[in-house]
Amino acid sequence: FSQGSHLAKHRRSHTGERPHRCPACGKTFCQSSDLARHRRMHLGRKPLRCGDCGKLFRAGPALARHQRCHHREHSHRCPDCGK
């Protein structure tokens, strides 16, 4: 992971913690960004998808910034799964 905060968010996938709940339907998410993307579905907005990993984005600049991350060194590794 390129940032320690990204590793911390990833580690939630190992604990099953899902603290972010959709007020419209009750579905829960590990990350607030996943909830935000899900809520756009309720509003009928179509997201943009990263061709490298499939992550979804609402705005083109955010997608472009994310795609640059695929070309960086990842200095933070998850000790649980190596990702």
PDB file of N, CA and C in Angstrom:
ATOM      1  N   PHE A   1       0.843  -1.181   0.000  1.00  0.00           N
ATOM      2  CA  PHE A   1       0.000   0.000   0.000  1.00  0.00           C
ATOM      3  C   PHE A   1       0.882   1.236   0.000  1.00  0.00           C
ATOM      4  N   SER A   2       0.486   2.241  -0.736  1.00  0.00           N
ATOM      5  CA  SER A   2       1.304   3.443  -0.857  1.00  0.00           C
ATOM      6  C   SER A   2       1.164   4.359   0.349  1.00  0.00           C
ATOM      7  N   GLN A   3       0.111   4.187   1.145  1.00  0.00           N
ATOM      8  CA  GLN A   3      -0.098   5.012   2.333  1.00  0.00           C
ATOM      9  C   GLN A   3      -0.543   4.134   3.491  1.00  0.00           C
ATOM     10  N   GLY A   4      -0.080   4.487   4.678  1.00  0.00           N
ATOM     11  CA  GLY A   4      -0.451   3.733   5.870  1.00  0.00           C
ATOM     12  C   GLY A   4      -1.950   3.721   6.116  1.00  0.00           C
ATOM     13  N   SER A   5      -2.632   4.818   5.771  1.00  0.00           N
ATOM     14  CA  SER A   5      -4.082   4.870   5.979  1.00  0.00           C
ATOM     15  C   SER A   5      -4.802   3.868   5.078  1.00  0.00           C
ATOM     16  N   HIS A   6      -4.246   3.616   3.890  1.00  0.00           N
ATOM     17  CA  HIS A   6      -4.846   2.621   2.992  1.00  0.00           C
ATOM     18  C   HIS A   6      -4.694   1.219   3.579  1.00  0.00           C
ATOM     19  N   LEU A   7      -3.546   0.964   4.210  1.00  0.00           N
ATOM     20  CA  LEU A   7      -3.345  -0.323   4.870  1.00  0.00           C
ATOM     21  C   LEU A   7      -4.349  -0.491   6.008  1.00  0.00           C
ATOM     22  N   ALA A   8      -4.555   0.560   6.798  1.00  0.00           N
ATOM     23  CA  ALA A   8      -5.496   0.480   7.915  1.00  0.00           C
ATOM     24  C   ALA A   8      -6.906   0.158   7.420  1.00  0.00           C
ATOM     25  N   LYS A   9      -7.316   0.788   6.328  1.00  0.00           N
ATOM     26  CA  LYS A   9      -8.635   0.504   5.756  1.00  0.00           C
ATOM     27  C   LYS A   9      -8.705  -0.935   5.258  1.00  0.00           C
ATOM     28  N   HIS A  10      -7.630  -1.403   4.620  1.00  0.00           N
ATOM     29  CA  HIS A  10      -7.601  -2.772   4.098  1.00  0.00           C
ATOM     30  C   HIS A  10      -7.728  -3.788   5.229  1.00  0.00           C
ATOM     31  N   ARG A  11      -7.074  -3.513   6.346  1.00  0.00           N
ATOM     32  CA  ARG A  11      -7.077  -4.482   7.444  1.00  0.00           C
ATOM     33  C   ARG A  11      -8.479  -4.727   7.983  1.00  0.00           C
ATOM     34  N   ARG A  12      -9.400  -3.781   7.766  1.00  0.00           N
ATOM     35  CA  ARG A  12     -10.790  -4.013   8.174  1.00  0.00           C
ATOM     36  C   ARG A  12     -11.380  -5.215   7.447  1.00  0.00           C
ATOM     37  N   SER A  13     -10.877  -5.512   6.246  1.00  0.00           N
ATOM     38  CA  SER A  13     -11.404  -6.658   5.500  1.00  0.00           C
ATOM     39  C   SER A  13     -11.107  -7.961   6.222  1.00  0.00           C
ATOM     40  N   HIS A  14     -10.078  -7.971   7.069  1.00  0.00           N
ATOM     41  CA  HIS A  14      -9.735  -9.174   7.821  1.00  0.00           C
ATOM     42  C   HIS A  14     -10.536  -9.283   9.117  1.00  0.00           C
ATOM     43  N   THR A  15     -11.023  -8.148   9.648  1.00  0.00           N
ATOM     44  CA  THR A  15     -11.774  -8.169  10.904  1.00  0.00           C
ATOM     45  C   THR A  15     -13.273  -8.267  10.692  1.00  0.00           C
ATOM     46  N   GLY A  16     -13.738  -7.941   9.491  1.00  0.00           N
ATOM     47  CA  GLY A  16     -15.172  -7.955   9.223  1.00  0.00           C
ATOM     48  C   GLY A  16     -15.890  -6.695   9.682  1.00  0.00           C
ATOM     49  N   GLU A  17     -15.143  -5.713  10.195  1.00  0.00           N
ATOM     50  CA  GLU A  17     -15.748  -4.459  10.650  1.00  0.00           C
ATOM     51  C   GLU A  17     -16.363  -3.712   9.467  1.00  0.00           C
ATOM     52  N   ARG A  18     -17.624  -3.301   9.614  1.00  0.00           N
ATOM     53  CA  ARG A  18     -18.343  -2.575   8.552  1.00  0.00           C
ATOM     54  C   ARG A  18     -19.110  -1.420   9.206  1.00  0.00           C
ATOM     55  N   PRO A  19     -18.399  -0.354   9.582  1.00  0.00           N
ATOM     56  CA  PRO A  19     -19.020   0.710  10.381  1.00  0.00           C
ATOM     57  C   PRO A  19     -19.869   1.720   9.611  1.00  0.00           C
ATOM     58  N   HIS A  20     -19.879   1.661   8.297  1.00  0.00           N
ATOM     59  CA  HIS A  20     -20.579   2.673   7.496  1.00  0.00           C
ATOM     60  C   HIS A  20     -21.873   2.085   6.927  1.00  0.00           C
ATOM     61  N   ARG A  21     -23.032   2.645   7.353  1.00  0.00           N
ATOM     62  CA  ARG A  21     -24.347   2.107   6.978  1.00  0.00           C
ATOM     63  C   ARG A  21     -25.095   3.077   6.065  1.00  0.00           C
ATOM     64  N   CYS A  22     -25.687   2.531   5.016  1.00  0.00           N
ATOM     65  CA  CYS A  22     -26.497   3.328   4.097  1.00  0.00           C
ATOM     66  C   CYS A  22     -27.826   3.674   4.775  1.00  0.00           C
ATOM     67  N   PRO A  23     -28.151   4.966   4.874  1.00  0.00           N
ATOM     68  CA  PRO A  23     -29.421   5.331   5.509  1.00  0.00           C
ATOM     69  C   PRO A  23     -30.643   4.961   4.659  1.00  0.00           C
ATOM     70  N   ALA A  24     -30.448   4.749   3.374  1.00  0.00           N
ATOM     71  CA  ALA A  24     -31.573   4.426   2.493  1.00  0.00           C
ATOM     72  C   ALA A  24     -31.976   2.959   2.567  1.00  0.00           C
ATOM     73  N   CYS A  25     -30.981   2.047   2.628  1.00  0.00           N
ATOM     74  CA  CYS A  25     -31.320   0.618   2.571  1.00  0.00           C
ATOM     75  C   CYS A  25     -30.716  -0.215   3.701  1.00  0.00           C
ATOM     76  N   GLY A  26     -29.791   0.373   4.485  1.00  0.00           N
ATOM     77  CA  GLY A  26     -29.214  -0.356   5.610  1.00  0.00           C
ATOM     78  C   GLY A  26     -27.982  -1.183   5.297  1.00  0.00           C
ATOM     79  N   LYS A  27     -27.570  -1.264   4.049  1.00  0.00           N
ATOM     80  CA  LYS A  27     -26.381  -2.025   3.689  1.00  0.00           C
ATOM     81  C   LYS A  27     -25.163  -1.392   4.363  1.00  0.00           C
ATOM     82  N   THR A  28     -24.218  -2.227   4.833  1.00  0.00           N
ATOM     83  CA  THR A  28     -23.036  -1.720   5.534  1.00  0.00           C
ATOM     84  C   THR A  28     -21.774  -1.909   4.707  1.00  0.00           C
ATOM     85  N   PHE A  29     -20.777  -1.053   4.990  1.00  0.00           N
ATOM     86  CA  PHE A  29     -19.534  -1.032   4.229  1.00  0.00           C
ATOM     87  C   PHE A  29     -18.346  -0.847   5.159  1.00  0.00           C
ATOM     88  N   CYS A  30     -17.192  -1.387   4.739  1.00  0.00           N
ATOM     89  CA  CYS A  30     -15.940  -1.227   5.484  1.00  0.00           C
ATOM     90  C   CYS A  30     -15.411   0.198   5.385  1.00  0.00           C
ATOM     91  N   GLN A  31     -15.579   0.814   4.233  1.00  0.00           N
ATOM     92  CA  GLN A  31     -14.995   2.128   3.978  1.00  0.00           C
ATOM     93  C   GLN A  31     -16.079   3.139   3.622  1.00  0.00           C
ATOM     94  N   SER A  32     -15.871   4.372   4.081  1.00  0.00           N
ATOM     95  CA  SER A  32     -16.837   5.431   3.780  1.00  0.00           C
ATOM     96  C   SER A  32     -16.919   5.696   2.281  1.00  0.00           C
ATOM     97  N   SER A  33     -15.807   5.511   1.565  1.00  0.00           N
ATOM     98  CA  SER A  33     -15.831   5.733   0.114  1.00  0.00           C
ATOM     99  C   SER A  33     -16.727   4.710  -0.585  1.00  0.00           C
ATOM    100  N   ASP A  34     -16.762   3.485  -0.075  1.00  0.00           N
ATOM    101  CA  ASP A  34     -17.651   2.473  -0.652  1.00  0.00           C
ATOM    102  C   ASP A  34     -19.116   2.836  -0.402  1.00  0.00           C
ATOM    103  N   LEU A  35     -19.401   3.359   0.794  1.00  0.00           N
ATOM    104  CA  LEU A  35     -20.760   3.814   1.084  1.00  0.00           C
ATOM    105  C   LEU A  35     -21.140   4.971   0.166  1.00  0.00           C
ATOM    106  N   ALA A  36     -20.232   5.925  -0.032  1.00  0.00           N
ATOM    107  CA  ALA A  36     -20.520   7.073  -0.902  1.00  0.00           C
ATOM    108  C   ALA A  36     -20.825   6.611  -2.323  1.00  0.00           C
ATOM    109  N   ARG A  37     -20.043   5.661  -2.827  1.00  0.00           N
ATOM    110  CA  ARG A  37     -20.283   5.124  -4.174  1.00  0.00           C
ATOM    111  C   ARG A  37     -21.646   4.435  -4.229  1.00  0.00           C
ATOM    112  N   HIS A  38     -21.964   3.659  -3.205  1.00  0.00           N
ATOM    113  CA  HIS A  38     -23.246   2.963  -3.137  1.00  0.00           C
ATOM    114  C   HIS A  38     -24.410   3.955  -3.102  1.00  0.00           C
ATOM    115  N   ARG A  39     -24.267   5.020  -2.339  1.00  0.00           N
ATOM    116  CA  ARG A  39     -25.348   6.009  -2.222  1.00  0.00           C
ATOM    117  C   ARG A  39     -25.624   6.696  -3.557  1.00  0.00           C
ATOM    118  N   ARG A  40     -24.606   6.849  -4.384  1.00  0.00           N
ATOM    119  CA  ARG A  40     -24.817   7.430  -5.715  1.00  0.00           C
ATOM    120  C   ARG A  40     -25.755   6.556  -6.549  1.00  0.00           C
ATOM    121  N   MET A  41     -25.739   5.248  -6.288  1.00  0.00           N
ATOM    122  CA  MET A  41     -26.642   4.344  -6.990  1.00  0.00           C
ATOM    123  C   MET A  41     -28.093   4.719  -6.683  1.00  0.00           C
ATOM    124  N   HIS A  42     -28.369   5.051  -5.421  1.00  0.00           N
ATOM    125  CA  HIS A  42     -29.725   5.453  -5.044  1.00  0.00           C
ATOM    126  C   HIS A  42     -30.128   6.744  -5.756  1.00  0.00           C
ATOM    127  N   LEU A  43     -29.138   7.578  -6.107  1.00  0.00           N
ATOM    128  CA  LEU A  43     -29.409   8.847  -6.778  1.00  0.00           C
ATOM    129  C   LEU A  43     -29.410   8.717  -8.297  1.00  0.00           C
ATOM    130  N   GLY A  44     -29.054   7.537  -8.812  1.00  0.00           N
ATOM    131  CA  GLY A  44     -29.061   7.305 -10.247  1.00  0.00           C
ATOM    132  C   GLY A  44     -27.822   7.794 -10.976  1.00  0.00           C
ATOM    133  N   ARG A  45     -26.736   8.106 -10.257  1.00  0.00           N
ATOM    134  CA  ARG A  45     -25.500   8.566 -10.905  1.00  0.00           C
ATOM    135  C   ARG A  45     -24.648   7.374 -11.313  1.00  0.00           C
ATOM    136  N   LYS A  46     -24.054   7.443 -12.481  1.00  0.00           N
ATOM    137  CA  LYS A  46     -23.212   6.348 -12.970  1.00  0.00           C
ATOM    138  C   LYS A  46     -21.750   6.622 -12.624  1.00  0.00           C
ATOM    139  N   PRO A  47     -21.065   5.676 -11.985  1.00  0.00           N
ATOM    140  CA  PRO A  47     -19.658   5.865 -11.622  1.00  0.00           C
ATOM    141  C   PRO A  47     -18.705   5.555 -12.780  1.00  0.00           C
ATOM    142  N   LEU A  48     -17.462   6.008 -12.631  1.00  0.00           N
ATOM    143  CA  LEU A  48     -16.381   5.718 -13.582  1.00  0.00           C
ATOM    144  C   LEU A  48     -15.539   4.594 -13.001  1.00  0.00           C
ATOM    145  N   ARG A  49     -15.113   3.654 -13.828  1.00  0.00           N
ATOM    146  CA  ARG A  49     -14.379   2.474 -13.358  1.00  0.00           C
ATOM    147  C   ARG A  49     -12.913   2.527 -13.774  1.00  0.00           C
ATOM    148  N   CYS A  50     -12.008   2.176 -12.837  1.00  0.00           N
ATOM    149  CA  CYS A  50     -10.584   2.049 -13.133  1.00  0.00           C
ATOM    150  C   CYS A  50     -10.383   0.779 -13.955  1.00  0.00           C
ATOM    151  N   GLY A  51      -9.711   0.895 -15.089  1.00  0.00           N
ATOM    152  CA  GLY A  51      -9.463  -0.255 -15.947  1.00  0.00           C
ATOM    153  C   GLY A  51      -8.460  -1.236 -15.373  1.00  0.00           C
ATOM    154  N   ASP A  52      -7.650  -0.806 -14.389  1.00  0.00           N
ATOM    155  CA  ASP A  52      -6.641  -1.683 -13.796  1.00  0.00           C
ATOM    156  C   ASP A  52      -7.196  -2.552 -12.671  1.00  0.00           C
ATOM    157  N   CYS A  53      -8.025  -1.959 -11.796  1.00  0.00           N
ATOM    158  CA  CYS A  53      -8.475  -2.711 -10.623  1.00  0.00           C
ATOM    159  C   CYS A  53      -9.989  -2.759 -10.452  1.00  0.00           C
ATOM    160  N   GLY A  54     -10.728  -1.986 -11.241  1.00  0.00           N
ATOM    161  CA  GLY A  54     -12.180  -2.010 -11.151  1.00  0.00           C
ATOM    162  C   GLY A  54     -12.788  -1.061 -10.136  1.00  0.00           C
ATOM    163  N   LYS A  55     -11.963  -0.338  -9.379  1.00  0.00           N
ATOM    164  CA  LYS A  55     -12.486   0.610  -8.401  1.00  0.00           C
ATOM    165  C   LYS A  55     -13.295   1.679  -9.128  1.00  0.00           C
ATOM    166  N   LEU A  56     -14.374   2.126  -8.488  1.00  0.00           N
ATOM    167  CA  LEU A  56     -15.287   3.079  -9.112  1.00  0.00           C
ATOM    168  C   LEU A  56     -15.096   4.492  -8.566  1.00  0.00           C
ATOM    169  N   PHE A  57     -15.280   5.489  -9.445  1.00  0.00           N
ATOM    170  CA  PHE A  57     -15.108   6.896  -9.082  1.00  0.00           C
ATOM    171  C   PHE A  57     -16.235   7.716  -9.670  1.00  0.00           C
ATOM    172  N   ARG A  58     -16.593   8.792  -8.973  1.00  0.00           N
ATOM    173  CA  ARG A  58     -17.652   9.686  -9.435  1.00  0.00           C
ATOM    174  C   ARG A  58     -17.113  10.710 -10.412  1.00  0.00           C
ATOM    175  N   ALA A  59     -15.866  11.160 -10.214  1.00  0.00           N
ATOM    176  CA  ALA A  59     -15.312  12.243 -11.028  1.00  0.00           C
ATOM    177  C   ALA A  59     -14.059  11.795 -11.767  1.00  0.00           C
ATOM    178  N   GLY A  60     -13.889  12.307 -12.983  1.00  0.00           N
ATOM    179  CA  GLY A  60     -12.726  11.973 -13.799  1.00  0.00           C
ATOM    180  C   GLY A  60     -11.392  12.296 -13.151  1.00  0.00           C
ATOM    181  N   PRO A  61     -11.228  13.473 -12.510  1.00  0.00           N
ATOM    182  CA  PRO A  61      -9.943  13.779 -11.869  1.00  0.00           C
ATOM    183  C   PRO A  61      -9.579  12.791 -10.758  1.00  0.00           C
ATOM    184  N   ALA A  62     -10.564  12.331 -10.011  1.00  0.00           N
ATOM    185  CA  ALA A  62     -10.292  11.348  -8.957  1.00  0.00           C
ATOM    186  C   ALA A  62      -9.831  10.025  -9.564  1.00  0.00           C
ATOM    187  N   LEU A  63     -10.440   9.629 -10.663  1.00  0.00           N
ATOM    188  CA  LEU A  63     -10.020   8.410 -11.357  1.00  0.00           C
ATOM    189  C   LEU A  63      -8.598   8.565 -11.886  1.00  0.00           C
ATOM    190  N   ALA A  64      -8.272   9.705 -12.478  1.00  0.00           N
ATOM    191  CA  ALA A  64      -6.921   9.934 -13.011  1.00  0.00           C
ATOM    192  C   ALA A  64      -5.884   9.890 -11.897  1.00  0.00           C
ATOM    193  N   ARG A  65      -6.184  10.512 -10.757  1.00  0.00           N
ATOM    194  CA  ARG A  65      -5.263  10.503  -9.611  1.00  0.00           C
ATOM    195  C   ARG A  65      -5.053   9.067  -9.125  1.00  0.00           C
ATOM    196  N   HIS A  66      -6.139   8.304  -9.033  1.00  0.00           N
ATOM    197  CA  HIS A  66      -6.057   6.911  -8.608  1.00  0.00           C
ATOM    198  C   HIS A  66      -5.208   6.083  -9.571  1.00  0.00           C
ATOM    199  N   GLN A  67      -5.391   6.275 -10.873  1.00  0.00           N
ATOM    200  CA  GLN A  67      -4.661   5.476 -11.852  1.00  0.00           C
ATOM    201  C   GLN A  67      -3.158   5.714 -11.767  1.00  0.00           C
ATOM    202  N   ARG A  68      -2.746   6.899 -11.347  1.00  0.00           N
ATOM    203  CA  ARG A  68      -1.312   7.152 -11.154  1.00  0.00           C
ATOM    204  C   ARG A  68      -0.749   6.276 -10.040  1.00  0.00           C
ATOM    205  N   CYS A  69      -1.586   5.890  -9.081  1.00  0.00           N
ATOM    206  CA  CYS A  69      -1.136   5.040  -7.971  1.00  0.00           C
ATOM    207  C   CYS A  69      -0.712   3.656  -8.448  1.00  0.00           C
ATOM    208  N   HIS A  70      -1.264   3.188  -9.548  1.00  0.00           N
ATOM    209  CA  HIS A  70      -0.902   1.870 -10.062  1.00  0.00           C
ATOM    210  C   HIS A  70       0.548   1.836 -10.541  1.00  0.00           C
ATOM    211  N   HIS A  71       1.163   2.993 -10.730  1.00  0.00           N
ATOM    212  CA  HIS A  71       2.531   3.057 -11.233  1.00  0.00           C
ATOM    213  C   HIS A  71       3.543   3.389 -10.148  1.00  0.00           C
ATOM    214  N   ARG A  72       3.099   3.516  -8.892  1.00  0.00           N
ATOM    215  CA  ARG A  72       3.994   3.840  -7.779  1.00  0.00           C
ATOM    216  C   ARG A  72       4.427   2.580  -7.052  1.00  0.00           C
ATOM    217  N   GLU A  73       5.517   2.729  -6.295  1.00  0.00           N
ATOM    218  CA  GLU A  73       5.944   1.659  -5.397  1.00  0.00           C
ATOM    219  C   GLU A  73       4.960   1.593  -4.228  1.00  0.00           C
ATOM    220  N   HIS A  74       4.661   0.418  -3.773  1.00  0.00           N
ATOM    221  CA  HIS A  74       3.794   0.245  -2.614  1.00  0.00           C
ATOM    222  C   HIS A  74       4.665  -0.186  -1.441  1.00  0.00           C
ATOM    223  N   SER A  75       4.908   0.745  -0.529  1.00  0.00           N
ATOM    224  CA  SER A  75       5.822   0.480   0.574  1.00  0.00           C
ATOM    225  C   SER A  75       5.121  -0.068   1.805  1.00  0.00           C
ATOM    226  N   HIS A  76       3.793  -0.034   1.857  1.00  0.00           N
ATOM    227  CA  HIS A  76       3.055  -0.544   3.008  1.00  0.00           C
ATOM    228  C   HIS A  76       2.374  -1.847   2.608  1.00  0.00           C
ATOM    229  N   ARG A  77       2.758  -2.934   3.243  1.00  0.00           N
ATOM    230  CA  ARG A  77       2.184  -4.245   2.937  1.00  0.00           C
ATOM    231  C   ARG A  77       1.362  -4.732   4.121  1.00  0.00           C
ATOM    232  N   CYS A  78       0.272  -5.408   3.834  1.00  0.00           N
ATOM    233  CA  CYS A  78      -0.560  -5.987   4.879  1.00  0.00           C
ATOM    234  C   CYS A  78       0.153  -7.217   5.448  1.00  0.00           C
ATOM    235  N   PRO A  79       0.371  -7.257   6.773  1.00  0.00           N
ATOM    236  CA  PRO A  79       1.049  -8.424   7.352  1.00  0.00           C
ATOM    237  C   PRO A  79       0.174  -9.672   7.355  1.00  0.00           C
ATOM    238  N   ASP A  80      -1.135  -9.499   7.167  1.00  0.00           N
ATOM    239  CA  ASP A  80      -2.045 -10.643   7.199  1.00  0.00           C
ATOM    240  C   ASP A  80      -2.111 -11.389   5.871  1.00  0.00           C
ATOM    241  N   CYS A  81      -2.092 -10.635   4.742  1.00  0.00           N
ATOM    242  CA  CYS A  81      -2.272 -11.303   3.451  1.00  0.00           C
ATOM    243  C   CYS A  81      -1.209 -10.948   2.416  1.00  0.00           C
ATOM    244  N   GLY A  82      -0.321  -9.979   2.731  1.00  0.00           N
ATOM    245  CA  GLY A  82       0.737  -9.609   1.801  1.00  0.00           C
ATOM    246  C   GLY A  82       0.328  -8.633   0.726  1.00  0.00           C
ATOM    247  N   LYS A  83      -0.932  -8.233   0.684  1.00  0.00           N
ATOM    248  CA  LYS A  83      -1.420  -7.316  -0.347  1.00  0.00           C
ATOM    249  C   LYS A  83      -0.841  -5.929  -0.147  1.00  0.00           C
TER     250      LYS A  83
END
